[in-house]
Amino acid sequence: MRAAVFAIAMALSFYANSAEWKKVEGIYSVTAKDMVSPIEDSHYRIQLKGVSAKDLYSAMKATPQKDDCTGAIAKNIGDMQCLYYKATNNYECHFSINIAEQEIEYGVSC
């Protein structure tokens, strides 16, 4: 009996603590690091939009600041950037993954 109660409690706690999985809104491309890089498929570039971008923006523990390039309100952590366009109430996030190094790098230049 105790084992059954324990198993049910564990299953319920796992369910309660699991994250909600959602569809991703955005686009991606596998590219070179830059225009002169000899390796054509070294980076996985991601541009999130909509709820996907809003959720990431909200999760970023960074102080919002005005972005000089876009005029949007930006949150930056390292090279990852998310933007909030107040006038249109839209969100965007830009970053890339260096595939070989497994590191986050810039997504879109100014």
PDB file of N, CA and C in Angstrom:
ATOM      1  N   MET A   1       0.818  -1.194   0.000  1.00  0.00           N
ATOM      2  CA  MET A   1       0.000   0.000   0.000  1.00  0.00           C
ATOM      3  C   MET A   1       0.866   1.263   0.000  1.00  0.00           C
ATOM      4  N   ARG A   2       1.897   1.264   0.850  1.00  0.00           N
ATOM      5  CA  ARG A   2       2.783   2.430   0.910  1.00  0.00           C
ATOM      6  C   ARG A   2       3.470   2.664  -0.434  1.00  0.00           C
ATOM      7  N   ALA A   3       3.874   1.581  -1.072  1.00  0.00           N
ATOM      8  CA  ALA A   3       4.544   1.702  -2.366  1.00  0.00           C
ATOM      9  C   ALA A   3       3.623   2.318  -3.407  1.00  0.00           C
ATOM     10  N   ALA A   4       2.369   1.957  -3.392  1.00  0.00           N
ATOM     11  CA  ALA A   4       1.400   2.509  -4.347  1.00  0.00           C
ATOM     12  C   ALA A   4       1.181   3.996  -4.086  1.00  0.00           C
ATOM     13  N   VAL A   5       1.043   4.373  -2.832  1.00  0.00           N
ATOM     14  CA  VAL A   5       0.853   5.782  -2.474  1.00  0.00           C
ATOM     15  C   VAL A   5       2.090   6.587  -2.873  1.00  0.00           C
ATOM     16  N   PHE A   6       3.267   6.034  -2.614  1.00  0.00           N
ATOM     17  CA  PHE A   6       4.512   6.704  -2.976  1.00  0.00           C
ATOM     18  C   PHE A   6       4.599   6.893  -4.490  1.00  0.00           C
ATOM     19  N   ALA A   7       4.266   5.856  -5.248  1.00  0.00           N
ATOM     20  CA  ALA A   7       4.316   5.933  -6.710  1.00  0.00           C
ATOM     21  C   ALA A   7       3.347   6.986  -7.238  1.00  0.00           C
ATOM     22  N   ILE A   8       2.158   7.032  -6.691  1.00  0.00           N
ATOM     23  CA  ILE A   8       1.169   8.033  -7.115  1.00  0.00           C
ATOM     24  C   ILE A   8       1.646   9.432  -6.760  1.00  0.00           C
ATOM     25  N   ALA A   9       2.184   9.599  -5.554  1.00  0.00           N
ATOM     26  CA  ALA A   9       2.689  10.903  -5.125  1.00  0.00           C
ATOM     27  C   ALA A   9       3.835  11.368  -6.022  1.00  0.00           C
ATOM     28  N   MET A  10       4.731  10.461  -6.366  1.00  0.00           N
ATOM     29  CA  MET A  10       5.844  10.813  -7.251  1.00  0.00           C
ATOM     30  C   MET A  10       5.337  11.198  -8.639  1.00  0.00           C
ATOM     31  N   ALA A  11       4.392  10.450  -9.155  1.00  0.00           N
ATOM     32  CA  ALA A  11       3.843  10.749 -10.477  1.00  0.00           C
ATOM     33  C   ALA A  11       3.158  12.113 -10.481  1.00  0.00           C
ATOM     34  N   LEU A  12       2.398  12.403  -9.458  1.00  0.00           N
ATOM     35  CA  LEU A  12       1.711  13.694  -9.376  1.00  0.00           C
ATOM     36  C   LEU A  12       2.694  14.846  -9.210  1.00  0.00           C
ATOM     37  N   SER A  13       3.730  14.640  -8.409  1.00  0.00           N
ATOM     38  CA  SER A  13       4.703  15.719  -8.223  1.00  0.00           C
ATOM     39  C   SER A  13       5.478  15.972  -9.511  1.00  0.00           C
ATOM     40  N   PHE A  14       5.790  14.908 -10.263  1.00  0.00           N
ATOM     41  CA  PHE A  14       6.462  15.081 -11.543  1.00  0.00           C
ATOM     42  C   PHE A  14       5.578  15.865 -12.498  1.00  0.00           C
ATOM     43  N   TYR A  15       4.309  15.507 -12.563  1.00  0.00           N
ATOM     44  CA  TYR A  15       3.373  16.199 -13.443  1.00  0.00           C
ATOM     45  C   TYR A  15       3.235  17.664 -13.042  1.00  0.00           C
ATOM     46  N   ALA A  16       3.135  17.946 -11.769  1.00  0.00           N
ATOM     47  CA  ALA A  16       2.966  19.318 -11.285  1.00  0.00           C
ATOM     48  C   ALA A  16       4.196  20.170 -11.576  1.00  0.00           C
ATOM     49  N   ASN A  17       5.380  19.564 -11.571  1.00  0.00           N
ATOM     50  CA  ASN A  17       6.614  20.314 -11.784  1.00  0.00           C
ATOM     51  C   ASN A  17       7.085  20.331 -13.226  1.00  0.00           C
ATOM     52  N   SER A  18       6.433  19.609 -14.099  1.00  0.00           N
ATOM     53  CA  SER A  18       6.878  19.569 -15.491  1.00  0.00           C
ATOM     54  C   SER A  18       6.462  20.852 -16.205  1.00  0.00           C
ATOM     55  N   ALA A  19       7.286  21.263 -17.142  1.00  0.00           N
ATOM     56  CA  ALA A  19       7.018  22.475 -17.905  1.00  0.00           C
ATOM     57  C   ALA A  19       6.014  22.189 -19.013  1.00  0.00           C
ATOM     58  N   GLU A  20       5.296  23.213 -19.383  1.00  0.00           N
ATOM     59  CA  GLU A  20       4.357  23.093 -20.501  1.00  0.00           C
ATOM     60  C   GLU A  20       5.134  23.261 -21.806  1.00  0.00           C
ATOM     61  N   TRP A  21       5.042  22.301 -22.682  1.00  0.00           N
ATOM     62  CA  TRP A  21       5.704  22.372 -23.978  1.00  0.00           C
ATOM     63  C   TRP A  21       4.779  23.042 -24.978  1.00  0.00           C
ATOM     64  N   LYS A  22       5.329  23.971 -25.759  1.00  0.00           N
ATOM     65  CA  LYS A  22       4.550  24.734 -26.731  1.00  0.00           C
ATOM     66  C   LYS A  22       5.245  24.701 -28.087  1.00  0.00           C
ATOM     67  N   LYS A  23       4.497  25.006 -29.130  1.00  0.00           N
ATOM     68  CA  LYS A  23       5.080  25.151 -30.457  1.00  0.00           C
ATOM     69  C   LYS A  23       5.938  26.414 -30.481  1.00  0.00           C
ATOM     70  N   VAL A  24       7.007  26.354 -31.245  1.00  0.00           N
ATOM     71  CA  VAL A  24       7.906  27.493 -31.379  1.00  0.00           C
ATOM     72  C   VAL A  24       7.479  28.327 -32.584  1.00  0.00           C
ATOM     73  N   GLU A  25       7.404  29.638 -32.378  1.00  0.00           N
ATOM     74  CA  GLU A  25       7.103  30.554 -33.471  1.00  0.00           C
ATOM     75  C   GLU A  25       8.399  31.244 -33.882  1.00  0.00           C
ATOM     76  N   GLY A  26       8.751  31.144 -35.134  1.00  0.00           N
ATOM     77  CA  GLY A  26       9.956  31.808 -35.601  1.00  0.00           C
ATOM     78  C   GLY A  26      10.550  31.118 -36.806  1.00  0.00           C
ATOM     79  N   ILE A  27      11.792  31.496 -37.081  1.00  0.00           N
ATOM     80  CA  ILE A  27      12.515  30.937 -38.214  1.00  0.00           C
ATOM     81  C   ILE A  27      13.936  30.593 -37.781  1.00  0.00           C
ATOM     82  N   TYR A  28      14.605  29.765 -38.575  1.00  0.00           N
ATOM     83  CA  TYR A  28      15.992  29.415 -38.287  1.00  0.00           C
ATOM     84  C   TYR A  28      16.745  29.205 -39.588  1.00  0.00           C
ATOM     85  N   SER A  29      18.071  29.183 -39.467  1.00  0.00           N
ATOM     86  CA  SER A  29      18.917  28.890 -40.608  1.00  0.00           C
ATOM     87  C   SER A  29      20.229  28.305 -40.103  1.00  0.00           C
ATOM     88  N   VAL A  30      20.777  27.363 -40.845  1.00  0.00           N
ATOM     89  CA  VAL A  30      22.105  26.844 -40.551  1.00  0.00           C
ATOM     90  C   VAL A  30      23.059  27.580 -41.481  1.00  0.00           C
ATOM     91  N   THR A  31      24.006  28.319 -40.879  1.00  0.00           N
ATOM     92  CA  THR A  31      24.859  29.220 -41.652  1.00  0.00           C
ATOM     93  C   THR A  31      26.314  29.143 -41.193  1.00  0.00           C
ATOM     94  N   ALA A  32      27.132  29.910 -41.872  1.00  0.00           N
ATOM     95  CA  ALA A  32      28.514  30.128 -41.435  1.00  0.00           C
ATOM     96  C   ALA A  32      28.499  31.159 -40.306  1.00  0.00           C
ATOM     97  N   LYS A  33      29.613  31.262 -39.593  1.00  0.00           N
ATOM     98  CA  LYS A  33      29.717  32.249 -38.512  1.00  0.00           C
ATOM     99  C   LYS A  33      29.553  33.659 -39.065  1.00  0.00           C
ATOM    100  N   ASP A  34      30.174  33.929 -40.198  1.00  0.00           N
ATOM    101  CA  ASP A  34      30.099  35.238 -40.838  1.00  0.00           C
ATOM    102  C   ASP A  34      30.343  35.061 -42.329  1.00  0.00           C
ATOM    103  N   MET A  35      30.409  36.156 -43.046  1.00  0.00           N
ATOM    104  CA  MET A  35      30.531  36.107 -44.510  1.00  0.00           C
ATOM    105  C   MET A  35      31.862  35.528 -44.998  1.00  0.00           C
ATOM    106  N   VAL A  36      32.906  35.555 -44.171  1.00  0.00           N
ATOM    107  CA  VAL A  36      34.220  35.094 -44.621  1.00  0.00           C
ATOM    108  C   VAL A  36      34.617  33.744 -44.027  1.00  0.00           C
ATOM    109  N   SER A  37      33.766  33.156 -43.238  1.00  0.00           N
ATOM    110  CA  SER A  37      34.080  31.878 -42.602  1.00  0.00           C
ATOM    111  C   SER A  37      34.123  30.750 -43.632  1.00  0.00           C
ATOM    112  N   PRO A  38      35.155  29.906 -43.557  1.00  0.00           N
ATOM    113  CA  PRO A  38      35.239  28.784 -44.503  1.00  0.00           C
ATOM    114  C   PRO A  38      34.276  27.641 -44.171  1.00  0.00           C
ATOM    115  N   ILE A  39      33.737  27.618 -42.961  1.00  0.00           N
ATOM    116  CA  ILE A  39      32.811  26.554 -42.565  1.00  0.00           C
ATOM    117  C   ILE A  39      31.391  27.068 -42.765  1.00  0.00           C
ATOM    118  N   GLU A  40      30.659  26.463 -43.709  1.00  0.00           N
ATOM    119  CA  GLU A  40      29.351  26.969 -44.100  1.00  0.00           C
ATOM    120  C   GLU A  40      28.217  26.586 -43.160  1.00  0.00           C
ATOM    121  N   ASP A  41      28.423  25.589 -42.313  1.00  0.00           N
ATOM    122  CA  ASP A  41      27.322  25.108 -41.479  1.00  0.00           C
ATOM    123  C   ASP A  41      27.711  25.027 -39.994  1.00  0.00           C
ATOM    124  N   SER A  42      28.306  26.100 -39.498  1.00  0.00           N
ATOM    125  CA  SER A  42      28.816  26.097 -38.130  1.00  0.00           C
ATOM    126  C   SER A  42      27.841  26.671 -37.105  1.00  0.00           C
ATOM    127  N   HIS A  43      26.814  27.376 -37.568  1.00  0.00           N
ATOM    128  CA  HIS A  43      25.912  28.076 -36.651  1.00  0.00           C
ATOM    129  C   HIS A  43      24.439  27.809 -36.976  1.00  0.00           C
ATOM    130  N   TYR A  44      23.681  27.623 -35.918  1.00  0.00           N
ATOM    131  CA  TYR A  44      22.233  27.444 -36.011  1.00  0.00           C
ATOM    132  C   TYR A  44      21.618  28.754 -35.537  1.00  0.00           C
ATOM    133  N   ARG A  45      21.177  29.585 -36.473  1.00  0.00           N
ATOM    134  CA  ARG A  45      20.638  30.916 -36.150  1.00  0.00           C
ATOM    135  C   ARG A  45      19.133  30.824 -35.925  1.00  0.00           C
ATOM    136  N   ILE A  46      18.686  31.483 -34.875  1.00  0.00           N
ATOM    137  CA  ILE A  46      17.284  31.405 -34.476  1.00  0.00           C
ATOM    138  C   ILE A  46      16.721  32.811 -34.316  1.00  0.00           C
ATOM    139  N   GLN A  47      15.533  33.017 -34.877  1.00  0.00           N
ATOM    140  CA  GLN A  47      14.778  34.249 -34.670  1.00  0.00           C
ATOM    141  C   GLN A  47      13.384  33.853 -34.205  1.00  0.00           C
ATOM    142  N   LEU A  48      13.110  34.118 -32.939  1.00  0.00           N
ATOM    143  CA  LEU A  48      11.800  33.803 -32.365  1.00  0.00           C
ATOM    144  C   LEU A  48      10.880  35.001 -32.480  1.00  0.00           C
ATOM    145  N   LYS A  49       9.591  34.724 -32.591  1.00  0.00           N
ATOM    146  CA  LYS A  49       8.571  35.779 -32.644  1.00  0.00           C
ATOM    147  C   LYS A  49       7.385  35.354 -31.801  1.00  0.00           C
ATOM    148  N   GLY A  50       6.458  36.280 -31.567  1.00  0.00           N
ATOM    149  CA  GLY A  50       5.200  35.972 -30.896  1.00  0.00           C
ATOM    150  C   GLY A  50       5.371  35.488 -29.470  1.00  0.00           C
ATOM    151  N   VAL A  51       4.548  34.516 -29.097  1.00  0.00           N
ATOM    152  CA  VAL A  51       4.532  33.999 -27.731  1.00  0.00           C
ATOM    153  C   VAL A  51       5.874  33.368 -27.370  1.00  0.00           C
ATOM    154  N   SER A  52       6.512  32.707 -28.314  1.00  0.00           N
ATOM    155  CA  SER A  52       7.825  32.106 -28.058  1.00  0.00           C
ATOM    156  C   SER A  52       8.816  33.165 -27.597  1.00  0.00           C
ATOM    157  N   ALA A  53       8.857  34.273 -28.315  1.00  0.00           N
ATOM    158  CA  ALA A  53       9.767  35.366 -27.964  1.00  0.00           C
ATOM    159  C   ALA A  53       9.337  36.040 -26.657  1.00  0.00           C
ATOM    160  N   LYS A  54       8.048  36.227 -26.473  1.00  0.00           N
ATOM    161  CA  LYS A  54       7.560  36.860 -25.241  1.00  0.00           C
ATOM    162  C   LYS A  54       7.923  36.025 -24.018  1.00  0.00           C
ATOM    163  N   ASP A  55       7.765  34.712 -24.113  1.00  0.00           N
ATOM    164  CA  ASP A  55       8.101  33.832 -22.994  1.00  0.00           C
ATOM    165  C   ASP A  55       9.589  33.896 -22.665  1.00  0.00           C
ATOM    166  N   LEU A  56      10.439  33.903 -23.697  1.00  0.00           N
ATOM    167  CA  LEU A  56      11.876  33.991 -23.451  1.00  0.00           C
ATOM    168  C   LEU A  56      12.231  35.357 -22.883  1.00  0.00           C
ATOM    169  N   TYR A  57      11.667  36.436 -23.437  1.00  0.00           N
ATOM    170  CA  TYR A  57      11.888  37.792 -22.928  1.00  0.00           C
ATOM    171  C   TYR A  57      11.533  37.857 -21.449  1.00  0.00           C
ATOM    172  N   SER A  58      10.382  37.305 -21.091  1.00  0.00           N
ATOM    173  CA  SER A  58       9.928  37.326 -19.697  1.00  0.00           C
ATOM    174  C   SER A  58      10.838  36.512 -18.790  1.00  0.00           C
ATOM    175  N   ALA A  59      11.409  35.437 -19.304  1.00  0.00           N
ATOM    176  CA  ALA A  59      12.264  34.565 -18.497  1.00  0.00           C
ATOM    177  C   ALA A  59      13.672  35.130 -18.314  1.00  0.00           C
ATOM    178  N   MET A  60      14.059  36.079 -19.136  1.00  0.00           N
ATOM    179  CA  MET A  60      15.411  36.640 -19.044  1.00  0.00           C
ATOM    180  C   MET A  60      15.495  37.565 -17.838  1.00  0.00           C
ATOM    181  N   LYS A  61      16.385  37.244 -16.930  1.00  0.00           N
ATOM    182  CA  LYS A  61      16.593  38.049 -15.722  1.00  0.00           C
ATOM    183  C   LYS A  61      17.625  39.125 -16.043  1.00  0.00           C
ATOM    184  N   ALA A  62      17.192  40.111 -16.801  1.00  0.00           N
ATOM    185  CA  ALA A  62      18.064  41.206 -17.230  1.00  0.00           C
ATOM    186  C   ALA A  62      17.267  42.499 -17.183  1.00  0.00           C
ATOM    187  N   THR A  63      17.960  43.605 -17.008  1.00  0.00           N
ATOM    188  CA  THR A  63      17.317  44.916 -16.969  1.00  0.00           C
ATOM    189  C   THR A  63      16.994  45.371 -18.391  1.00  0.00           C
ATOM    190  N   PRO A  64      15.738  45.683 -18.676  1.00  0.00           N
ATOM    191  CA  PRO A  64      15.374  46.165 -20.012  1.00  0.00           C
ATOM    192  C   PRO A  64      16.025  47.520 -20.300  1.00  0.00           C
ATOM    193  N   GLN A  65      16.531  47.661 -21.514  1.00  0.00           N
ATOM    194  CA  GLN A  65      17.146  48.912 -21.947  1.00  0.00           C
ATOM    195  C   GLN A  65      16.737  49.196 -23.380  1.00  0.00           C
ATOM    196  N   LYS A  66      16.752  50.472 -23.759  1.00  0.00           N
ATOM    197  CA  LYS A  66      16.422  50.827 -25.133  1.00  0.00           C
ATOM    198  C   LYS A  66      17.534  50.329 -26.061  1.00  0.00           C
ATOM    199  N   ASP A  67      17.142  49.660 -27.138  1.00  0.00           N
ATOM    200  CA  ASP A  67      18.089  49.172 -28.130  1.00  0.00           C
ATOM    201  C   ASP A  67      18.371  50.274 -29.136  1.00  0.00           C
ATOM    202  N   ASP A  68      19.643  50.632 -29.321  1.00  0.00           N
ATOM    203  CA  ASP A  68      20.019  51.717 -30.228  1.00  0.00           C
ATOM    204  C   ASP A  68      19.725  51.403 -31.687  1.00  0.00           C
ATOM    205  N   CYS A  69      19.746  50.127 -32.058  1.00  0.00           N
ATOM    206  CA  CYS A  69      19.539  49.753 -33.460  1.00  0.00           C
ATOM    207  C   CYS A  69      18.063  49.801 -33.865  1.00  0.00           C
ATOM    208  N   THR A  70      17.180  49.335 -32.979  1.00  0.00           N
ATOM    209  CA  THR A  70      15.770  49.177 -33.340  1.00  0.00           C
ATOM    210  C   THR A  70      14.837  50.163 -32.646  1.00  0.00           C
ATOM    211  N   GLY A  71      15.282  50.737 -31.537  1.00  0.00           N
ATOM    212  CA  GLY A  71      14.418  51.602 -30.737  1.00  0.00           C
ATOM    213  C   GLY A  71      13.504  50.815 -29.804  1.00  0.00           C
ATOM    214  N   ALA A  72      13.564  49.492 -29.887  1.00  0.00           N
ATOM    215  CA  ALA A  72      12.742  48.629 -29.031  1.00  0.00           C
ATOM    216  C   ALA A  72      13.355  48.556 -27.634  1.00  0.00           C
ATOM    217  N   ILE A  73      12.609  47.958 -26.721  1.00  0.00           N
ATOM    218  CA  ILE A  73      13.116  47.696 -25.378  1.00  0.00           C
ATOM    219  C   ILE A  73      13.781  46.322 -25.428  1.00  0.00           C
ATOM    220  N   ALA A  74      15.063  46.265 -25.081  1.00  0.00           N
ATOM    221  CA  ALA A  74      15.845  45.029 -25.225  1.00  0.00           C
ATOM    222  C   ALA A  74      16.249  44.458 -23.879  1.00  0.00           C
ATOM    223  N   LYS A  75      16.298  43.131 -23.840  1.00  0.00           N
ATOM    224  CA  LYS A  75      16.938  42.407 -22.752  1.00  0.00           C
ATOM    225  C   LYS A  75      18.058  41.597 -23.386  1.00  0.00           C
ATOM    226  N   ASN A  76      19.240  41.703 -22.809  1.00  0.00           N
ATOM    227  CA  ASN A  76      20.407  41.001 -23.327  1.00  0.00           C
ATOM    228  C   ASN A  76      21.050  40.178 -22.220  1.00  0.00           C
ATOM    229  N   ILE A  77      21.377  38.944 -22.538  1.00  0.00           N
ATOM    230  CA  ILE A  77      22.201  38.111 -21.673  1.00  0.00           C
ATOM    231  C   ILE A  77      23.270  37.527 -22.584  1.00  0.00           C
ATOM    232  N   GLY A  78      24.506  37.965 -22.375  1.00  0.00           N
ATOM    233  CA  GLY A  78      25.570  37.572 -23.293  1.00  0.00           C
ATOM    234  C   GLY A  78      25.208  38.051 -24.688  1.00  0.00           C
ATOM    235  N   ASP A  79      25.261  37.158 -25.658  1.00  0.00           N
ATOM    236  CA  ASP A  79      24.928  37.514 -27.040  1.00  0.00           C
ATOM    237  C   ASP A  79      23.469  37.245 -27.390  1.00  0.00           C
ATOM    238  N   MET A  80      22.700  36.737 -26.436  1.00  0.00           N
ATOM    239  CA  MET A  80      21.274  36.499 -26.687  1.00  0.00           C
ATOM    240  C   MET A  80      20.521  37.816 -26.456  1.00  0.00           C
ATOM    241  N   GLN A  81      19.655  38.163 -27.405  1.00  0.00           N
ATOM    242  CA  GLN A  81      18.889  39.406 -27.288  1.00  0.00           C
ATOM    243  C   GLN A  81      17.420  39.157 -27.592  1.00  0.00           C
ATOM    244  N   CYS A  82      16.563  39.723 -26.738  1.00  0.00           N
ATOM    245  CA  CYS A  82      15.127  39.732 -27.002  1.00  0.00           C
ATOM    246  C   CYS A  82      14.653  41.173 -27.001  1.00  0.00           C
ATOM    247  N   LEU A  83      13.743  41.480 -27.904  1.00  0.00           N
ATOM    248  CA  LEU A  83      13.240  42.837 -28.086  1.00  0.00           C
ATOM    249  C   LEU A  83      11.741  42.897 -27.854  1.00  0.00           C
ATOM    250  N   TYR A  84      11.298  44.002 -27.266  1.00  0.00           N
ATOM    251  CA  TYR A  84       9.874  44.271 -27.112  1.00  0.00           C
ATOM    252  C   TYR A  84       9.584  45.589 -27.814  1.00  0.00           C
ATOM    253  N   TYR A  85       8.693  45.535 -28.827  1.00  0.00           N
ATOM    254  CA  TYR A  85       8.275  46.723 -29.563  1.00  0.00           C
ATOM    255  C   TYR A  85       6.970  47.214 -28.951  1.00  0.00           C
ATOM    256  N   LYS A  86       7.077  48.215 -28.113  1.00  0.00           N
ATOM    257  CA  LYS A  86       5.932  48.698 -27.334  1.00  0.00           C
ATOM    258  C   LYS A  86       4.789  49.189 -28.232  1.00  0.00           C
ATOM    259  N   ALA A  87       5.107  49.892 -29.300  1.00  0.00           N
ATOM    260  CA  ALA A  87       4.076  50.468 -30.175  1.00  0.00           C
ATOM    261  C   ALA A  87       3.181  49.404 -30.807  1.00  0.00           C
ATOM    262  N   THR A  88       3.754  48.252 -31.109  1.00  0.00           N
ATOM    263  CA  THR A  88       2.992  47.182 -31.763  1.00  0.00           C
ATOM    264  C   THR A  88       2.729  45.987 -30.842  1.00  0.00           C
ATOM    265  N   ASN A  89       3.282  46.037 -29.626  1.00  0.00           N
ATOM    266  CA  ASN A  89       3.147  44.959 -28.641  1.00  0.00           C
ATOM    267  C   ASN A  89       3.672  43.623 -29.192  1.00  0.00           C
ATOM    268  N   ASN A  90       4.793  43.695 -29.924  1.00  0.00           N
ATOM    269  CA  ASN A  90       5.416  42.508 -30.514  1.00  0.00           C
ATOM    270  C   ASN A  90       6.750  42.206 -29.855  1.00  0.00           C
ATOM    271  N   TYR A  91       7.110  40.928 -29.851  1.00  0.00           N
ATOM    272  CA  TYR A  91       8.370  40.460 -29.280  1.00  0.00           C
ATOM    273  C   TYR A  91       9.170  39.725 -30.340  1.00  0.00           C
ATOM    274  N   GLU A  92      10.504  39.838 -30.262  1.00  0.00           N
ATOM    275  CA  GLU A  92      11.426  39.095 -31.125  1.00  0.00           C
ATOM    276  C   GLU A  92      12.655  38.729 -30.307  1.00  0.00           C
ATOM    277  N   CYS A  93      13.240  37.587 -30.598  1.00  0.00           N
ATOM    278  CA  CYS A  93      14.506  37.190 -29.990  1.00  0.00           C
ATOM    279  C   CYS A  93      15.446  36.724 -31.091  1.00  0.00           C
ATOM    280  N   HIS A  94      16.731  37.046 -30.933  1.00  0.00           N
ATOM    281  CA  HIS A  94      17.730  36.707 -31.937  1.00  0.00           C
ATOM    282  C   HIS A  94      18.963  36.138 -31.250  1.00  0.00           C
ATOM    283  N   PHE A  95      19.397  34.978 -31.694  1.00  0.00           N
ATOM    284  CA  PHE A  95      20.647  34.405 -31.208  1.00  0.00           C
ATOM    285  C   PHE A  95      21.035  33.263 -32.123  1.00  0.00           C
ATOM    286  N   SER A  96      22.253  32.784 -31.959  1.00  0.00           N
ATOM    287  CA  SER A  96      22.691  31.616 -32.711  1.00  0.00           C
ATOM    288  C   SER A  96      23.394  30.664 -31.764  1.00  0.00           C
ATOM    289  N   ILE A  97      23.446  29.419 -32.176  1.00  0.00           N
ATOM    290  CA  ILE A  97      24.171  28.403 -31.426  1.00  0.00           C
ATOM    291  C   ILE A  97      25.373  28.004 -32.270  1.00  0.00           C
ATOM    292  N   ASN A  98      26.562  28.178 -31.701  1.00  0.00           N
ATOM    293  CA  ASN A  98      27.771  27.672 -32.331  1.00  0.00           C
ATOM    294  C   ASN A  98      27.717  26.158 -32.140  1.00  0.00           C
ATOM    295  N   ILE A  99      27.502  25.438 -33.211  1.00  0.00           N
ATOM    296  CA  ILE A  99      27.240  24.003 -33.126  1.00  0.00           C
ATOM    297  C   ILE A  99      28.419  23.241 -32.510  1.00  0.00           C
ATOM    298  N   ALA A 100      29.624  23.494 -32.962  1.00  0.00           N
ATOM    299  CA  ALA A 100      30.786  22.757 -32.473  1.00  0.00           C
ATOM    300  C   ALA A 100      31.107  23.082 -31.018  1.00  0.00           C
ATOM    301  N   GLU A 101      30.969  24.355 -30.645  1.00  0.00           N
ATOM    302  CA  GLU A 101      31.326  24.788 -29.295  1.00  0.00           C
ATOM    303  C   GLU A 101      30.157  24.715 -28.317  1.00  0.00           C
ATOM    304  N   GLN A 102      28.936  24.536 -28.830  1.00  0.00           N
ATOM    305  CA  GLN A 102      27.726  24.506 -27.993  1.00  0.00           C
ATOM    306  C   GLN A 102      27.611  25.769 -27.143  1.00  0.00           C
ATOM    307  N   GLU A 103      27.810  26.922 -27.784  1.00  0.00           N
ATOM    308  CA  GLU A 103      27.740  28.216 -27.113  1.00  0.00           C
ATOM    309  C   GLU A 103      26.746  29.116 -27.833  1.00  0.00           C
ATOM    310  N   ILE A 104      26.095  29.983 -27.044  1.00  0.00           N
ATOM    311  CA  ILE A 104      25.203  30.986 -27.615  1.00  0.00           C
ATOM    312  C   ILE A 104      26.049  32.152 -28.128  1.00  0.00           C
ATOM    313  N   GLU A 105      25.766  32.577 -29.340  1.00  0.00           N
ATOM    314  CA  GLU A 105      26.460  33.714 -29.941  1.00  0.00           C
ATOM    315  C   GLU A 105      25.424  34.664 -30.532  1.00  0.00           C
ATOM    316  N   TYR A 106      25.902  35.792 -31.063  1.00  0.00           N
ATOM    317  CA  TYR A 106      24.978  36.797 -31.587  1.00  0.00           C
ATOM    318  C   TYR A 106      24.119  36.222 -32.700  1.00  0.00           C
ATOM    319  N   GLY A 107      22.935  36.799 -32.869  1.00  0.00           N
ATOM    320  CA  GLY A 107      22.034  36.322 -33.895  1.00  0.00           C
ATOM    321  C   GLY A 107      21.930  37.240 -35.084  1.00  0.00           C
ATOM    322  N   VAL A 108      21.705  38.523 -34.815  1.00  0.00           N
ATOM    323  CA  VAL A 108      21.546  39.505 -35.884  1.00  0.00           C
ATOM    324  C   VAL A 108      22.376  40.726 -35.515  1.00  0.00           C
ATOM    325  N   SER A 109      23.164  41.180 -36.467  1.00  0.00           N
ATOM    326  CA  SER A 109      23.954  42.391 -36.201  1.00  0.00           C
ATOM    327  C   SER A 109      23.100  43.626 -36.386  1.00  0.00           C
ATOM    328  N   CYS A 110      23.566  44.718 -35.872  1.00  0.00           N
ATOM    329  CA  CYS A 110      22.824  45.988 -35.885  1.00  0.00           C
ATOM    330  C   CYS A 110      22.582  46.498 -37.282  1.00  0.00           C
TER     331      CYS A 110
END
